[in-house]
Amino acid sequence: MTRRRYHKRRTSVKRSGLEDALAAQLSGLKIQYEYEPFYIEFVPARPRRYTPDFVLPNGIIIEAKGYFESSDRSKMIAVRDQHPDLDIRFVFGNADARLSKTSKTSYGKWATKKGFKWADMGTIPTRWLNETRNEVSLAAIAALKLAQGRTT
């Protein structure tokens, strides 16, 4: 006799539990945000796109990361280098996780070394939410949206 498996049906449109938690945090604090509102083109070896997870009204882009693969790290460096006006930050599910089994470097240490701001434990720091508007980042976001024909 086979066992029936019951899976909890996802009611969210977010791509991960960490993204669900961040969306709940922002909604609970009544902070408006946009979820994956546009993409950012970048060119490593061939043209690709990156879609930011959350964009806050003050121009901060939040990338939620549970598992942080090598390809994701390379992508984020390329995006940052090709779009230096964007304020991209990470929220890690576990910033102490190692890049690989053999690495001594954690996600948080990698982000610090590469010049990214980051937070741990799947929560956006209140100080980020209360930061003043980053007009340079907001202008870069508006330009990307305009180029894609997106108005929101």
N, C-alpha and C. Protein backbone atom coordinates (compact mmCIF):
# COMPACT_ATOMS: atom_id res chain seq x y z
N MET A 1 0.83 -1.17 0.00
CA MET A 1 0.00 0.00 0.00
C MET A 1 0.89 1.25 0.00
N THR A 2 0.59 2.15 -0.88
CA THR A 2 1.39 3.38 -0.96
C THR A 2 0.81 4.43 -0.03
N ARG A 3 1.71 5.20 0.53
CA ARG A 3 1.29 6.28 1.40
C ARG A 3 0.95 7.51 0.59
N ARG A 4 -0.08 8.15 0.96
CA ARG A 4 -0.42 9.41 0.31
C ARG A 4 0.38 10.52 0.93
N ARG A 5 0.93 11.34 0.11
CA ARG A 5 1.68 12.49 0.59
C ARG A 5 0.86 13.74 0.40
N TYR A 6 0.79 14.49 1.43
CA TYR A 6 0.07 15.75 1.37
C TYR A 6 1.08 16.88 1.46
N HIS A 7 0.98 17.77 0.56
CA HIS A 7 1.89 18.91 0.54
C HIS A 7 1.08 20.17 0.80
N LYS A 8 1.67 21.04 1.59
CA LYS A 8 1.03 22.31 1.85
C LYS A 8 1.03 23.11 0.55
N ARG A 9 -0.12 23.54 0.15
CA ARG A 9 -0.22 24.30 -1.08
C ARG A 9 0.22 25.74 -0.82
N ARG A 10 1.09 26.21 -1.66
CA ARG A 10 1.58 27.58 -1.52
C ARG A 10 0.49 28.55 -1.94
N THR A 11 0.25 29.52 -1.08
CA THR A 11 -0.74 30.54 -1.41
C THR A 11 -0.06 31.83 -1.86
N SER A 12 1.24 31.85 -1.84
CA SER A 12 1.99 33.05 -2.18
C SER A 12 2.49 32.98 -3.62
N VAL A 13 2.75 34.15 -4.17
CA VAL A 13 3.32 34.20 -5.50
C VAL A 13 4.83 34.40 -5.45
N LYS A 14 5.37 34.51 -4.25
CA LYS A 14 6.81 34.69 -4.09
C LYS A 14 7.51 33.37 -4.41
N ARG A 15 8.80 33.46 -4.69
CA ARG A 15 9.55 32.29 -5.13
C ARG A 15 10.13 31.47 -3.98
N SER A 16 10.15 32.00 -2.76
CA SER A 16 10.74 31.25 -1.66
C SER A 16 10.09 31.63 -0.34
N GLY A 17 10.31 30.80 0.66
CA GLY A 17 9.81 31.10 1.99
C GLY A 17 10.43 32.36 2.56
N LEU A 18 11.72 32.59 2.25
CA LEU A 18 12.39 33.80 2.72
C LEU A 18 11.74 35.04 2.11
N GLU A 19 11.42 34.98 0.82
CA GLU A 19 10.74 36.11 0.18
C GLU A 19 9.36 36.31 0.80
N ASP A 20 8.65 35.22 1.11
CA ASP A 20 7.36 35.33 1.79
C ASP A 20 7.51 36.05 3.12
N ALA A 21 8.55 35.68 3.89
CA ALA A 21 8.76 36.29 5.20
C ALA A 21 9.07 37.79 5.07
N LEU A 22 9.89 38.15 4.09
CA LEU A 22 10.21 39.57 3.90
C LEU A 22 8.98 40.36 3.47
N ALA A 23 8.16 39.77 2.60
CA ALA A 23 6.93 40.44 2.17
C ALA A 23 5.99 40.62 3.36
N ALA A 24 5.90 39.62 4.23
CA ALA A 24 5.06 39.73 5.42
C ALA A 24 5.58 40.80 6.36
N GLN A 25 6.91 40.89 6.50
CA GLN A 25 7.50 41.92 7.35
C GLN A 25 7.13 43.30 6.83
N LEU A 26 7.33 43.53 5.54
CA LEU A 26 7.04 44.84 4.95
C LEU A 26 5.55 45.17 5.05
N SER A 27 4.70 44.19 4.77
CA SER A 27 3.25 44.41 4.85
C SER A 27 2.82 44.70 6.28
N GLY A 28 3.39 43.95 7.24
CA GLY A 28 3.06 44.16 8.64
C GLY A 28 3.44 45.54 9.13
N LEU A 29 4.52 46.10 8.58
CA LEU A 29 4.95 47.45 8.94
C LEU A 29 4.30 48.52 8.06
N LYS A 30 3.40 48.06 7.18
CA LYS A 30 2.69 48.95 6.25
C LYS A 30 3.64 49.75 5.37
N ILE A 31 4.72 49.08 4.93
CA ILE A 31 5.68 49.70 4.03
C ILE A 31 5.38 49.22 2.62
N GLN A 32 5.16 50.15 1.74
CA GLN A 32 4.90 49.78 0.35
C GLN A 32 6.18 49.26 -0.27
N TYR A 33 6.04 48.28 -1.14
CA TYR A 33 7.18 47.75 -1.86
C TYR A 33 6.69 47.20 -3.18
N GLU A 34 7.62 46.99 -4.07
CA GLU A 34 7.30 46.34 -5.34
C GLU A 34 8.03 45.01 -5.36
N TYR A 35 7.36 43.98 -5.83
CA TYR A 35 7.97 42.66 -5.91
C TYR A 35 8.27 42.35 -7.37
N GLU A 36 9.55 42.14 -7.66
CA GLU A 36 10.03 41.83 -9.01
C GLU A 36 9.40 42.74 -10.07
N PRO A 37 9.55 44.07 -9.90
CA PRO A 37 8.87 45.00 -10.80
C PRO A 37 9.55 45.22 -12.15
N PHE A 38 10.78 44.81 -12.29
CA PHE A 38 11.50 45.00 -13.55
C PHE A 38 12.70 44.07 -13.56
N TYR A 39 13.40 44.04 -14.68
CA TYR A 39 14.62 43.25 -14.76
C TYR A 39 15.79 44.17 -15.09
N ILE A 40 16.98 43.67 -14.82
CA ILE A 40 18.20 44.42 -15.09
C ILE A 40 19.05 43.58 -16.04
N GLU A 41 19.34 44.12 -17.20
CA GLU A 41 20.19 43.39 -18.13
C GLU A 41 21.65 43.58 -17.75
N PHE A 42 22.41 42.51 -17.87
CA PHE A 42 23.84 42.58 -17.62
C PHE A 42 24.53 41.60 -18.55
N VAL A 43 25.82 41.80 -18.74
CA VAL A 43 26.54 40.99 -19.71
C VAL A 43 27.75 40.35 -19.04
N PRO A 44 27.66 39.06 -18.72
CA PRO A 44 28.88 38.34 -18.34
C PRO A 44 29.51 37.86 -19.65
N ALA A 45 29.37 36.60 -19.97
CA ALA A 45 29.85 36.08 -21.25
C ALA A 45 28.81 36.30 -22.34
N ARG A 46 27.53 36.32 -21.93
CA ARG A 46 26.44 36.56 -22.87
C ARG A 46 25.37 37.39 -22.15
N PRO A 47 24.56 38.14 -22.87
CA PRO A 47 23.54 38.96 -22.21
C PRO A 47 22.57 38.12 -21.37
N ARG A 48 22.28 38.62 -20.17
CA ARG A 48 21.36 37.94 -19.26
C ARG A 48 20.52 38.98 -18.54
N ARG A 49 19.57 38.50 -17.73
CA ARG A 49 18.71 39.40 -16.97
C ARG A 49 18.69 38.98 -15.50
N TYR A 50 18.56 39.96 -14.65
CA TYR A 50 18.38 39.76 -13.22
C TYR A 50 17.12 40.49 -12.81
N THR A 51 16.24 39.83 -12.10
CA THR A 51 15.02 40.45 -11.62
C THR A 51 15.14 40.62 -10.10
N PRO A 52 15.21 41.87 -9.62
CA PRO A 52 15.32 42.09 -8.18
C PRO A 52 14.07 41.62 -7.45
N ASP A 53 14.27 41.12 -6.23
CA ASP A 53 13.14 40.60 -5.46
C ASP A 53 12.23 41.72 -4.96
N PHE A 54 12.79 42.67 -4.23
CA PHE A 54 11.99 43.73 -3.63
C PHE A 54 12.64 45.09 -3.92
N VAL A 55 11.79 46.06 -4.21
CA VAL A 55 12.25 47.43 -4.38
C VAL A 55 11.47 48.28 -3.39
N LEU A 56 12.19 48.91 -2.48
CA LEU A 56 11.56 49.75 -1.47
C LEU A 56 11.35 51.16 -2.00
N PRO A 57 10.42 51.91 -1.43
CA PRO A 57 10.15 53.27 -1.90
C PRO A 57 11.36 54.21 -1.81
N ASN A 58 12.32 53.88 -0.96
CA ASN A 58 13.50 54.76 -0.82
C ASN A 58 14.61 54.40 -1.81
N GLY A 59 14.36 53.43 -2.70
CA GLY A 59 15.33 53.10 -3.75
C GLY A 59 16.24 51.94 -3.42
N ILE A 60 16.06 51.31 -2.27
CA ILE A 60 16.86 50.14 -1.90
C ILE A 60 16.27 48.91 -2.57
N ILE A 61 17.14 48.14 -3.21
CA ILE A 61 16.76 46.87 -3.82
C ILE A 61 17.19 45.76 -2.87
N ILE A 62 16.24 44.90 -2.51
CA ILE A 62 16.52 43.80 -1.59
C ILE A 62 16.53 42.49 -2.37
N GLU A 63 17.61 41.75 -2.24
CA GLU A 63 17.73 40.42 -2.82
C GLU A 63 17.71 39.42 -1.66
N ALA A 64 16.69 38.57 -1.63
CA ALA A 64 16.55 37.56 -0.59
C ALA A 64 17.31 36.31 -1.02
N LYS A 65 18.20 35.83 -0.15
CA LYS A 65 19.01 34.67 -0.49
C LYS A 65 19.01 33.65 0.63
N GLY A 66 18.48 32.49 0.32
CA GLY A 66 18.61 31.35 1.22
C GLY A 66 19.86 30.59 0.82
N TYR A 67 19.83 30.00 -0.35
CA TYR A 67 20.99 29.30 -0.90
C TYR A 67 21.64 30.25 -1.90
N PHE A 68 22.95 30.42 -1.80
CA PHE A 68 23.67 31.43 -2.58
C PHE A 68 24.72 30.76 -3.45
N GLU A 69 24.31 30.34 -4.63
CA GLU A 69 25.20 29.60 -5.54
C GLU A 69 26.28 30.49 -6.13
N SER A 70 27.32 29.86 -6.62
CA SER A 70 28.43 30.55 -7.27
C SER A 70 27.94 31.41 -8.43
N SER A 71 27.01 30.87 -9.21
CA SER A 71 26.49 31.62 -10.36
C SER A 71 25.73 32.87 -9.89
N ASP A 72 25.04 32.77 -8.76
CA ASP A 72 24.34 33.94 -8.21
C ASP A 72 25.33 35.01 -7.77
N ARG A 73 26.42 34.58 -7.17
CA ARG A 73 27.43 35.54 -6.71
C ARG A 73 28.06 36.26 -7.90
N SER A 74 28.40 35.52 -8.93
CA SER A 74 28.98 36.13 -10.14
C SER A 74 28.00 37.09 -10.79
N LYS A 75 26.73 36.68 -10.84
CA LYS A 75 25.69 37.52 -11.43
C LYS A 75 25.58 38.84 -10.67
N MET A 76 25.55 38.78 -9.35
CA MET A 76 25.36 40.00 -8.55
C MET A 76 26.55 40.95 -8.69
N ILE A 77 27.74 40.41 -8.81
CA ILE A 77 28.91 41.27 -9.03
C ILE A 77 28.81 41.95 -10.40
N ALA A 78 28.43 41.19 -11.43
CA ALA A 78 28.29 41.77 -12.77
C ALA A 78 27.20 42.85 -12.80
N VAL A 79 26.07 42.58 -12.15
CA VAL A 79 24.98 43.56 -12.12
C VAL A 79 25.45 44.83 -11.42
N ARG A 80 26.07 44.68 -10.25
CA ARG A 80 26.54 45.84 -9.50
C ARG A 80 27.57 46.65 -10.31
N ASP A 81 28.50 45.96 -10.95
CA ASP A 81 29.54 46.64 -11.71
C ASP A 81 28.98 47.37 -12.93
N GLN A 82 27.94 46.81 -13.54
CA GLN A 82 27.37 47.42 -14.74
C GLN A 82 26.26 48.41 -14.43
N HIS A 83 25.77 48.40 -13.18
CA HIS A 83 24.72 49.33 -12.75
C HIS A 83 25.08 49.89 -11.38
N PRO A 84 26.17 50.67 -11.30
CA PRO A 84 26.67 51.13 -10.00
C PRO A 84 25.74 52.09 -9.26
N ASP A 85 24.76 52.67 -9.94
CA ASP A 85 23.85 53.60 -9.27
C ASP A 85 22.77 52.89 -8.46
N LEU A 86 22.58 51.59 -8.69
CA LEU A 86 21.56 50.85 -7.96
C LEU A 86 22.06 50.47 -6.57
N ASP A 87 21.21 50.61 -5.58
CA ASP A 87 21.53 50.28 -4.19
C ASP A 87 20.99 48.87 -3.91
N ILE A 88 21.81 47.86 -4.20
CA ILE A 88 21.41 46.46 -4.05
C ILE A 88 21.96 45.91 -2.74
N ARG A 89 21.07 45.31 -1.94
CA ARG A 89 21.46 44.74 -0.65
C ARG A 89 20.89 43.33 -0.51
N PHE A 90 21.53 42.54 0.32
CA PHE A 90 21.11 41.16 0.53
C PHE A 90 20.46 40.98 1.89
N VAL A 91 19.46 40.12 1.94
CA VAL A 91 18.95 39.59 3.20
C VAL A 91 19.13 38.08 3.10
N PHE A 92 20.01 37.56 3.94
CA PHE A 92 20.31 36.13 3.94
C PHE A 92 19.45 35.40 4.96
N GLY A 93 19.05 34.20 4.60
CA GLY A 93 18.37 33.34 5.56
C GLY A 93 19.33 32.93 6.66
N ASN A 94 20.61 32.73 6.29
CA ASN A 94 21.66 32.38 7.25
C ASN A 94 22.98 32.91 6.70
N ALA A 95 23.39 34.06 7.18
CA ALA A 95 24.61 34.70 6.69
C ALA A 95 25.87 33.94 7.09
N ASP A 96 25.75 33.03 8.07
CA ASP A 96 26.90 32.24 8.51
C ASP A 96 27.12 30.99 7.66
N ALA A 97 26.19 30.70 6.74
CA ALA A 97 26.35 29.54 5.86
C ALA A 97 27.61 29.72 5.02
N ARG A 98 28.30 28.64 4.76
CA ARG A 98 29.53 28.68 3.98
C ARG A 98 29.22 28.65 2.49
N LEU A 99 30.09 29.28 1.72
CA LEU A 99 29.90 29.31 0.26
C LEU A 99 29.91 27.91 -0.33
N SER A 100 30.69 27.03 0.26
CA SER A 100 30.72 25.62 -0.15
C SER A 100 31.22 24.81 1.04
N LYS A 101 31.18 23.51 0.90
CA LYS A 101 31.63 22.64 2.00
C LYS A 101 33.09 22.88 2.36
N THR A 102 33.89 23.25 1.37
CA THR A 102 35.33 23.42 1.61
C THR A 102 35.73 24.87 1.86
N SER A 103 34.79 25.81 1.74
CA SER A 103 35.11 27.22 1.90
C SER A 103 35.08 27.64 3.37
N LYS A 104 35.96 28.55 3.72
CA LYS A 104 35.94 29.14 5.05
C LYS A 104 35.14 30.44 5.05
N THR A 105 34.71 30.87 3.87
CA THR A 105 34.00 32.13 3.72
C THR A 105 32.49 31.93 3.83
N SER A 106 31.86 32.75 4.65
CA SER A 106 30.40 32.69 4.80
C SER A 106 29.75 33.66 3.81
N TYR A 107 28.43 33.55 3.67
CA TYR A 107 27.70 34.46 2.79
C TYR A 107 27.93 35.91 3.22
N GLY A 108 27.83 36.15 4.51
CA GLY A 108 28.01 37.51 5.03
C GLY A 108 29.41 38.05 4.78
N LYS A 109 30.42 37.22 5.01
CA LYS A 109 31.80 37.66 4.77
C LYS A 109 32.01 37.95 3.29
N TRP A 110 31.44 37.11 2.42
CA TRP A 110 31.55 37.34 0.98
C TRP A 110 30.95 38.70 0.63
N ALA A 111 29.72 38.97 1.13
CA ALA A 111 29.04 40.23 0.81
C ALA A 111 29.86 41.43 1.29
N THR A 112 30.40 41.33 2.49
CA THR A 112 31.22 42.43 3.02
C THR A 112 32.46 42.63 2.15
N LYS A 113 33.12 41.55 1.81
CA LYS A 113 34.33 41.63 0.99
C LYS A 113 34.05 42.26 -0.38
N LYS A 114 32.88 41.97 -0.92
CA LYS A 114 32.52 42.48 -2.25
C LYS A 114 31.84 43.85 -2.20
N GLY A 115 31.65 44.39 -0.99
CA GLY A 115 31.10 45.74 -0.87
C GLY A 115 29.59 45.84 -0.87
N PHE A 116 28.90 44.75 -0.59
CA PHE A 116 27.43 44.76 -0.52
C PHE A 116 27.00 44.91 0.94
N LYS A 117 25.95 45.68 1.17
CA LYS A 117 25.33 45.70 2.48
C LYS A 117 24.47 44.45 2.60
N TRP A 118 24.37 43.91 3.83
CA TRP A 118 23.60 42.69 4.01
C TRP A 118 23.03 42.61 5.42
N ALA A 119 22.00 41.78 5.53
CA ALA A 119 21.37 41.50 6.82
C ALA A 119 21.16 40.00 6.92
N ASP A 120 20.95 39.55 8.16
CA ASP A 120 20.85 38.12 8.44
C ASP A 120 19.47 37.77 8.99
N MET A 121 19.21 36.49 9.05
CA MET A 121 18.03 35.91 9.69
C MET A 121 16.72 36.28 9.00
N GLY A 122 16.77 36.55 7.72
CA GLY A 122 15.56 36.76 6.94
C GLY A 122 14.72 37.95 7.33
N THR A 123 15.36 39.01 7.83
CA THR A 123 14.63 40.20 8.22
C THR A 123 15.34 41.44 7.68
N ILE A 124 14.55 42.34 7.13
CA ILE A 124 15.10 43.60 6.64
C ILE A 124 15.29 44.52 7.85
N PRO A 125 16.49 45.04 8.05
CA PRO A 125 16.71 45.93 9.20
C PRO A 125 15.85 47.19 9.13
N THR A 126 15.32 47.59 10.26
CA THR A 126 14.49 48.79 10.34
C THR A 126 15.24 50.01 9.84
N ARG A 127 16.54 50.07 10.10
CA ARG A 127 17.30 51.25 9.66
C ARG A 127 17.29 51.37 8.13
N TRP A 128 17.25 50.23 7.42
CA TRP A 128 17.15 50.29 5.96
C TRP A 128 15.79 50.86 5.56
N LEU A 129 14.75 50.43 6.25
CA LEU A 129 13.40 50.87 5.92
C LEU A 129 13.22 52.36 6.17
N ASN A 130 13.97 52.88 7.14
CA ASN A 130 13.84 54.28 7.51
C ASN A 130 14.86 55.20 6.83
N GLU A 131 15.72 54.64 6.00
CA GLU A 131 16.72 55.47 5.31
C GLU A 131 16.03 56.47 4.39
N THR A 132 16.69 57.61 4.22
CA THR A 132 16.15 58.61 3.31
C THR A 132 16.21 58.10 1.88
N ARG A 133 15.45 58.72 1.03
CA ARG A 133 15.37 58.32 -0.37
C ARG A 133 16.73 58.43 -1.04
N ASN A 134 17.11 57.39 -1.75
CA ASN A 134 18.34 57.40 -2.53
C ASN A 134 17.94 57.82 -3.94
N GLU A 135 18.03 59.11 -4.20
CA GLU A 135 17.55 59.66 -5.48
C GLU A 135 18.32 59.09 -6.68
N VAL A 136 19.58 58.78 -6.50
CA VAL A 136 20.38 58.22 -7.59
C VAL A 136 19.85 56.84 -7.95
N SER A 137 19.63 56.00 -6.94
CA SER A 137 19.09 54.66 -7.18
C SER A 137 17.68 54.73 -7.76
N LEU A 138 16.84 55.63 -7.22
CA LEU A 138 15.48 55.78 -7.73
C LEU A 138 15.47 56.21 -9.20
N ALA A 139 16.38 57.10 -9.57
CA ALA A 139 16.48 57.55 -10.97
C ALA A 139 16.91 56.39 -11.87
N ALA A 140 17.85 55.57 -11.40
CA ALA A 140 18.30 54.42 -12.19
C ALA A 140 17.17 53.40 -12.34
N ILE A 141 16.40 53.19 -11.28
CA ILE A 141 15.25 52.27 -11.33
C ILE A 141 14.22 52.80 -12.32
N ALA A 142 13.91 54.09 -12.24
CA ALA A 142 12.94 54.71 -13.15
C ALA A 142 13.38 54.57 -14.60
N ALA A 143 14.67 54.74 -14.87
CA ALA A 143 15.19 54.61 -16.23
C ALA A 143 15.04 53.18 -16.74
N LEU A 144 15.31 52.20 -15.88
CA LEU A 144 15.15 50.79 -16.28
C LEU A 144 13.69 50.48 -16.59
N LYS A 145 12.80 50.95 -15.73
CA LYS A 145 11.36 50.72 -15.96
C LYS A 145 10.89 51.39 -17.24
N LEU A 146 11.33 52.61 -17.46
CA LEU A 146 10.94 53.35 -18.66
C LEU A 146 11.40 52.62 -19.91
N ALA A 147 12.62 52.13 -19.90
CA ALA A 147 13.16 51.39 -21.05
C ALA A 147 12.37 50.12 -21.32
N GLN A 148 11.74 49.56 -20.27
CA GLN A 148 10.95 48.33 -20.40
C GLN A 148 9.46 48.61 -20.59
N GLY A 149 9.10 49.89 -20.62
CA GLY A 149 7.69 50.24 -20.81
C GLY A 149 6.84 49.95 -19.58
N ARG A 150 7.47 49.94 -18.41
CA ARG A 150 6.74 49.67 -17.16
C ARG A 150 6.59 50.99 -16.43
N THR A 151 5.38 51.27 -15.99
CA THR A 151 5.12 52.54 -15.35
C THR A 151 5.02 52.46 -13.83
N THR A 152 4.84 51.28 -13.28
CA THR A 152 4.73 51.17 -11.81
C THR A 152 6.03 50.74 -11.21
